Amino acid sequence: MRRSIILGLAALAVAAVVPGSLQAQNTTPVAVQLPTGDYLVAVKPTDSLPEGMVGDWQIVFQTGGVYQVVRNGNVRVLGEFRTVADTVYLVDKSGAMACGATAGPSTYVWKGEPDGTLTLIAVKDECRGRQRLMTLRPLVRVKTQ
């Protein structure tokens, strides 16, 4: 009996000094969503892209899984996206610069920064123009939705 009391007190002492982050906690996965909003990326003459691509591009990720690529107020690509943890899948649906069905869906890993920038890293994308534009440099957030 005395031994069980001592062991019980020892267990209480250990629990008292174990930081809360190490004690039992809710391990339910947290749903991570791509931060929706409007982002800008500037294509410079030195970026080795066609001359017609030089300028500011707006990438818009809307709530509900729709994305747009906009240039000079014109939607150049309209597509759909979905996220699973830190991975985003993009599929172009329409637009003058949309990738055809042969390019298929693309896969990127995304990382949001405290300053509002969004970095996309291509895992798989057969659409060279989309891949180059999305990964050229971090996308800069201009407003949230």
C-alpha atoms as a PDB file:
ATOM      1  CA  MET A   1       0.000   0.000   0.000  1.00  0.00           C
ATOM      2  CA  ARG A   2       2.758   2.417   0.991  1.00  0.00           C
ATOM      3  CA  ARG A   3       4.571   1.646  -2.283  1.00  0.00           C
ATOM      4  CA  SER A   4       1.460   2.475  -4.378  1.00  0.00           C
ATOM      5  CA  ILE A   5       1.046   5.777  -2.508  1.00  0.00           C
ATOM      6  CA  ILE A   6       4.684   6.679  -3.203  1.00  0.00           C
ATOM      7  CA  LEU A   7       4.321   5.751  -6.882  1.00  0.00           C
ATOM      8  CA  GLY A   8       1.121   7.778  -7.110  1.00  0.00           C
ATOM      9  CA  LEU A   9       2.787  10.827  -5.579  1.00  0.00           C
ATOM     10  CA  ALA A  10       5.761  10.431  -7.931  1.00  0.00           C
ATOM     11  CA  ALA A  11       3.404  10.361 -10.925  1.00  0.00           C
ATOM     12  CA  LEU A  12       1.698  13.534  -9.697  1.00  0.00           C
ATOM     13  CA  ALA A  13       5.074  15.237  -9.272  1.00  0.00           C
ATOM     14  CA  VAL A  14       6.106  14.333 -12.828  1.00  0.00           C
ATOM     15  CA  ALA A  15       2.779  15.576 -14.232  1.00  0.00           C
ATOM     16  CA  ALA A  16       3.248  18.854 -12.378  1.00  0.00           C
ATOM     17  CA  VAL A  17       6.630  19.555 -14.017  1.00  0.00           C
ATOM     18  CA  VAL A  18       5.847  18.301 -17.541  1.00  0.00           C
ATOM     19  CA  PRO A  19       5.105  21.307 -19.757  1.00  0.00           C
ATOM     20  CA  GLY A  20       1.515  21.556 -20.943  1.00  0.00           C
ATOM     21  CA  SER A  21       2.641  21.072 -24.539  1.00  0.00           C
ATOM     22  CA  LEU A  22       3.890  17.575 -23.659  1.00  0.00           C
ATOM     23  CA  GLN A  23       0.851  16.500 -21.685  1.00  0.00           C
ATOM     24  CA  ALA A  24      -2.068  14.788 -23.400  1.00  0.00           C
ATOM     25  CA  GLN A  25      -3.714  17.167 -25.812  1.00  0.00           C
ATOM     26  CA  ASN A  26      -6.212  17.193 -28.636  1.00  0.00           C
ATOM     27  CA  THR A  27      -4.478  15.641 -31.639  1.00  0.00           C
ATOM     28  CA  THR A  28      -7.263  16.319 -34.126  1.00  0.00           C
ATOM     29  CA  PRO A  29      -5.640  17.612 -37.332  1.00  0.00           C
ATOM     30  CA  VAL A  30      -6.183  21.289 -37.990  1.00  0.00           C
ATOM     31  CA  ALA A  31      -7.530  22.080 -41.445  1.00  0.00           C
ATOM     32  CA  VAL A  32      -4.984  24.253 -43.207  1.00  0.00           C
ATOM     33  CA  GLN A  33      -6.338  26.375 -46.006  1.00  0.00           C
ATOM     34  CA  LEU A  34      -4.552  28.367 -48.645  1.00  0.00           C
ATOM     35  CA  PRO A  35      -4.989  32.032 -47.687  1.00  0.00           C
ATOM     36  CA  THR A  36      -7.542  33.403 -50.125  1.00  0.00           C
ATOM     37  CA  GLY A  37      -7.175  36.874 -51.528  1.00  0.00           C
ATOM     38  CA  ASP A  38      -5.509  38.886 -54.258  1.00  0.00           C
ATOM     39  CA  TYR A  39      -1.785  38.541 -54.857  1.00  0.00           C
ATOM     40  CA  LEU A  40       0.584  40.352 -57.194  1.00  0.00           C
ATOM     41  CA  VAL A  41       3.650  39.137 -59.015  1.00  0.00           C
ATOM     42  CA  ALA A  42       5.778  41.450 -61.147  1.00  0.00           C
ATOM     43  CA  VAL A  43       7.445  40.027 -64.244  1.00  0.00           C
ATOM     44  CA  LYS A  44      10.614  41.949 -65.052  1.00  0.00           C
ATOM     45  CA  PRO A  45      12.413  42.170 -68.415  1.00  0.00           C
ATOM     46  CA  THR A  46      15.292  40.200 -66.866  1.00  0.00           C
ATOM     47  CA  ASP A  47      13.059  37.239 -65.908  1.00  0.00           C
ATOM     48  CA  SER A  48      13.586  35.348 -69.190  1.00  0.00           C
ATOM     49  CA  LEU A  49       9.895  35.301 -70.056  1.00  0.00           C
ATOM     50  CA  PRO A  50       8.386  36.455 -73.351  1.00  0.00           C
ATOM     51  CA  GLU A  51       8.284  40.229 -73.664  1.00  0.00           C
ATOM     52  CA  GLY A  52       4.464  40.205 -73.605  1.00  0.00           C
ATOM     53  CA  MET A  53       4.571  38.792 -70.055  1.00  0.00           C
ATOM     54  CA  VAL A  54       6.507  41.729 -68.585  1.00  0.00           C
ATOM     55  CA  GLY A  55       4.403  43.704 -66.105  1.00  0.00           C
ATOM     56  CA  ASP A  56       2.190  43.142 -63.081  1.00  0.00           C
ATOM     57  CA  TRP A  57       0.016  40.038 -62.796  1.00  0.00           C
ATOM     58  CA  GLN A  58      -2.724  39.470 -60.271  1.00  0.00           C
ATOM     59  CA  ILE A  59      -3.381  35.971 -58.935  1.00  0.00           C
ATOM     60  CA  VAL A  60      -6.732  35.738 -57.143  1.00  0.00           C
ATOM     61  CA  PHE A  61      -7.601  32.772 -54.912  1.00  0.00           C
ATOM     62  CA  GLN A  62     -11.308  33.037 -54.071  1.00  0.00           C
ATOM     63  CA  THR A  63     -13.213  31.370 -51.277  1.00  0.00           C
ATOM     64  CA  GLY A  64     -14.917  28.345 -52.800  1.00  0.00           C
ATOM     65  CA  GLY A  65     -11.935  27.131 -54.803  1.00  0.00           C
ATOM     66  CA  VAL A  66     -11.866  29.442 -57.834  1.00  0.00           C
ATOM     67  CA  TYR A  67      -8.702  31.137 -58.987  1.00  0.00           C
ATOM     68  CA  GLN A  68      -8.019  33.761 -61.621  1.00  0.00           C
ATOM     69  CA  VAL A  69      -4.930  35.091 -63.332  1.00  0.00           C
ATOM     70  CA  VAL A  70      -5.555  38.733 -64.265  1.00  0.00           C
ATOM     71  CA  ARG A  71      -3.510  41.123 -66.388  1.00  0.00           C
ATOM     72  CA  ASN A  72      -4.515  44.757 -66.987  1.00  0.00           C
ATOM     73  CA  GLY A  73      -8.000  44.060 -65.626  1.00  0.00           C
ATOM     74  CA  ASN A  74      -8.585  41.135 -68.011  1.00  0.00           C
ATOM     75  CA  VAL A  75      -9.038  37.605 -66.710  1.00  0.00           C
ATOM     76  CA  ARG A  76      -6.473  35.599 -68.663  1.00  0.00           C
ATOM     77  CA  VAL A  77      -7.073  32.311 -66.810  1.00  0.00           C
ATOM     78  CA  LEU A  78     -10.042  31.075 -64.812  1.00  0.00           C
ATOM     79  CA  GLY A  79      -9.584  27.836 -62.928  1.00  0.00           C
ATOM     80  CA  GLU A  80     -10.281  25.790 -59.855  1.00  0.00           C
ATOM     81  CA  PHE A  81      -8.079  24.944 -56.898  1.00  0.00           C
ATOM     82  CA  ARG A  82      -8.253  22.756 -53.844  1.00  0.00           C
ATOM     83  CA  THR A  83      -5.902  22.363 -50.929  1.00  0.00           C
ATOM     84  CA  VAL A  84      -4.876  19.408 -48.832  1.00  0.00           C
ATOM     85  CA  ALA A  85      -2.647  20.575 -45.974  1.00  0.00           C
ATOM     86  CA  ASP A  86       0.239  22.490 -47.583  1.00  0.00           C
ATOM     87  CA  THR A  87      -0.470  21.241 -51.107  1.00  0.00           C
ATOM     88  CA  VAL A  88      -2.584  23.094 -53.659  1.00  0.00           C
ATOM     89  CA  TYR A  89      -3.935  21.569 -56.870  1.00  0.00           C
ATOM     90  CA  LEU A  90      -4.721  23.903 -59.789  1.00  0.00           C
ATOM     91  CA  VAL A  91      -6.779  23.166 -62.906  1.00  0.00           C
ATOM     92  CA  ASP A  92      -7.285  25.766 -65.643  1.00  0.00           C
ATOM     93  CA  LYS A  93     -10.854  25.863 -66.956  1.00  0.00           C
ATOM     94  CA  SER A  94     -10.929  28.762 -69.434  1.00  0.00           C
ATOM     95  CA  GLY A  95      -9.233  31.928 -70.604  1.00  0.00           C
ATOM     96  CA  ALA A  96      -6.919  33.114 -73.348  1.00  0.00           C
ATOM     97  CA  MET A  97      -3.854  31.853 -71.463  1.00  0.00           C
ATOM     98  CA  ALA A  98      -5.407  28.744 -69.890  1.00  0.00           C
ATOM     99  CA  CYS A  99      -3.426  25.561 -70.260  1.00  0.00           C
ATOM    100  CA  GLY A 100      -5.128  22.938 -72.366  1.00  0.00           C
ATOM    101  CA  ALA A 101      -6.346  19.550 -71.191  1.00  0.00           C
ATOM    102  CA  THR A 102      -3.017  17.991 -72.196  1.00  0.00           C
ATOM    103  CA  ALA A 103      -1.248  19.909 -69.414  1.00  0.00           C
ATOM    104  CA  GLY A 104      -3.544  18.383 -66.808  1.00  0.00           C
ATOM    105  CA  PRO A 105      -3.811  19.509 -63.209  1.00  0.00           C
ATOM    106  CA  SER A 106      -0.813  20.952 -61.405  1.00  0.00           C
ATOM    107  CA  THR A 107       0.470  20.356 -57.910  1.00  0.00           C
ATOM    108  CA  TYR A 108       2.263  22.923 -55.758  1.00  0.00           C
ATOM    109  CA  VAL A 109       3.398  23.120 -52.165  1.00  0.00           C
ATOM    110  CA  TRP A 110       2.478  26.478 -50.662  1.00  0.00           C
ATOM    111  CA  LYS A 111       3.786  28.443 -47.730  1.00  0.00           C
ATOM    112  CA  GLY A 112       2.202  31.574 -46.314  1.00  0.00           C
ATOM    113  CA  GLU A 113       4.451  34.098 -44.587  1.00  0.00           C
ATOM    114  CA  PRO A 114       3.557  36.495 -41.743  1.00  0.00           C
ATOM    115  CA  ASP A 115       4.103  39.451 -44.085  1.00  0.00           C
ATOM    116  CA  GLY A 116       1.281  38.168 -46.319  1.00  0.00           C
ATOM    117  CA  THR A 117       3.425  36.756 -49.103  1.00  0.00           C
ATOM    118  CA  LEU A 118       2.610  33.355 -50.543  1.00  0.00           C
ATOM    119  CA  THR A 119       5.331  31.118 -51.935  1.00  0.00           C
ATOM    120  CA  LEU A 120       4.418  28.339 -54.375  1.00  0.00           C
ATOM    121  CA  ILE A 121       6.843  25.530 -55.180  1.00  0.00           C
ATOM    122  CA  ALA A 122       6.012  23.375 -58.193  1.00  0.00           C
ATOM    123  CA  VAL A 123       5.777  19.661 -57.534  1.00  0.00           C
ATOM    124  CA  LYS A 124       4.181  18.850 -60.890  1.00  0.00           C
ATOM    125  CA  ASP A 125       3.045  21.221 -63.592  1.00  0.00           C
ATOM    126  CA  GLU A 126       3.281  20.528 -67.307  1.00  0.00           C
ATOM    127  CA  CYS A 127       2.061  24.032 -68.123  1.00  0.00           C
ATOM    128  CA  ARG A 128       5.361  25.906 -68.368  1.00  0.00           C
ATOM    129  CA  GLY A 129       3.821  29.390 -68.439  1.00  0.00           C
ATOM    130  CA  ARG A 130       1.698  28.793 -65.348  1.00  0.00           C
ATOM    131  CA  GLN A 131       4.603  27.209 -63.511  1.00  0.00           C
ATOM    132  CA  ARG A 132       6.948  30.067 -64.343  1.00  0.00           C
ATOM    133  CA  LEU A 133       4.448  32.749 -63.325  1.00  0.00           C
ATOM    134  CA  MET A 134       3.397  31.043 -60.070  1.00  0.00           C
ATOM    135  CA  THR A 135       6.956  30.319 -58.926  1.00  0.00           C
ATOM    136  CA  LEU A 136       8.839  33.331 -60.287  1.00  0.00           C
ATOM    137  CA  ARG A 137       8.969  34.960 -56.846  1.00  0.00           C
ATOM    138  CA  PRO A 138       6.717  35.055 -53.762  1.00  0.00           C
ATOM    139  CA  LEU A 139       3.228  36.366 -54.482  1.00  0.00           C
ATOM    140  CA  VAL A 140       2.513  39.579 -52.565  1.00  0.00           C
ATOM    141  CA  ARG A 141      -0.910  39.854 -50.940  1.00  0.00           C
ATOM    142  CA  VAL A 142      -2.842  42.996 -51.796  1.00  0.00           C
ATOM    143  CA  LYS A 143      -6.150  42.233 -50.101  1.00  0.00           C
ATOM    144  CA  THR A 144      -7.933  39.360 -48.381  1.00  0.00           C
ATOM    145  CA  GLN A 145     -11.354  37.888 -48.936  1.00  0.00           C
END
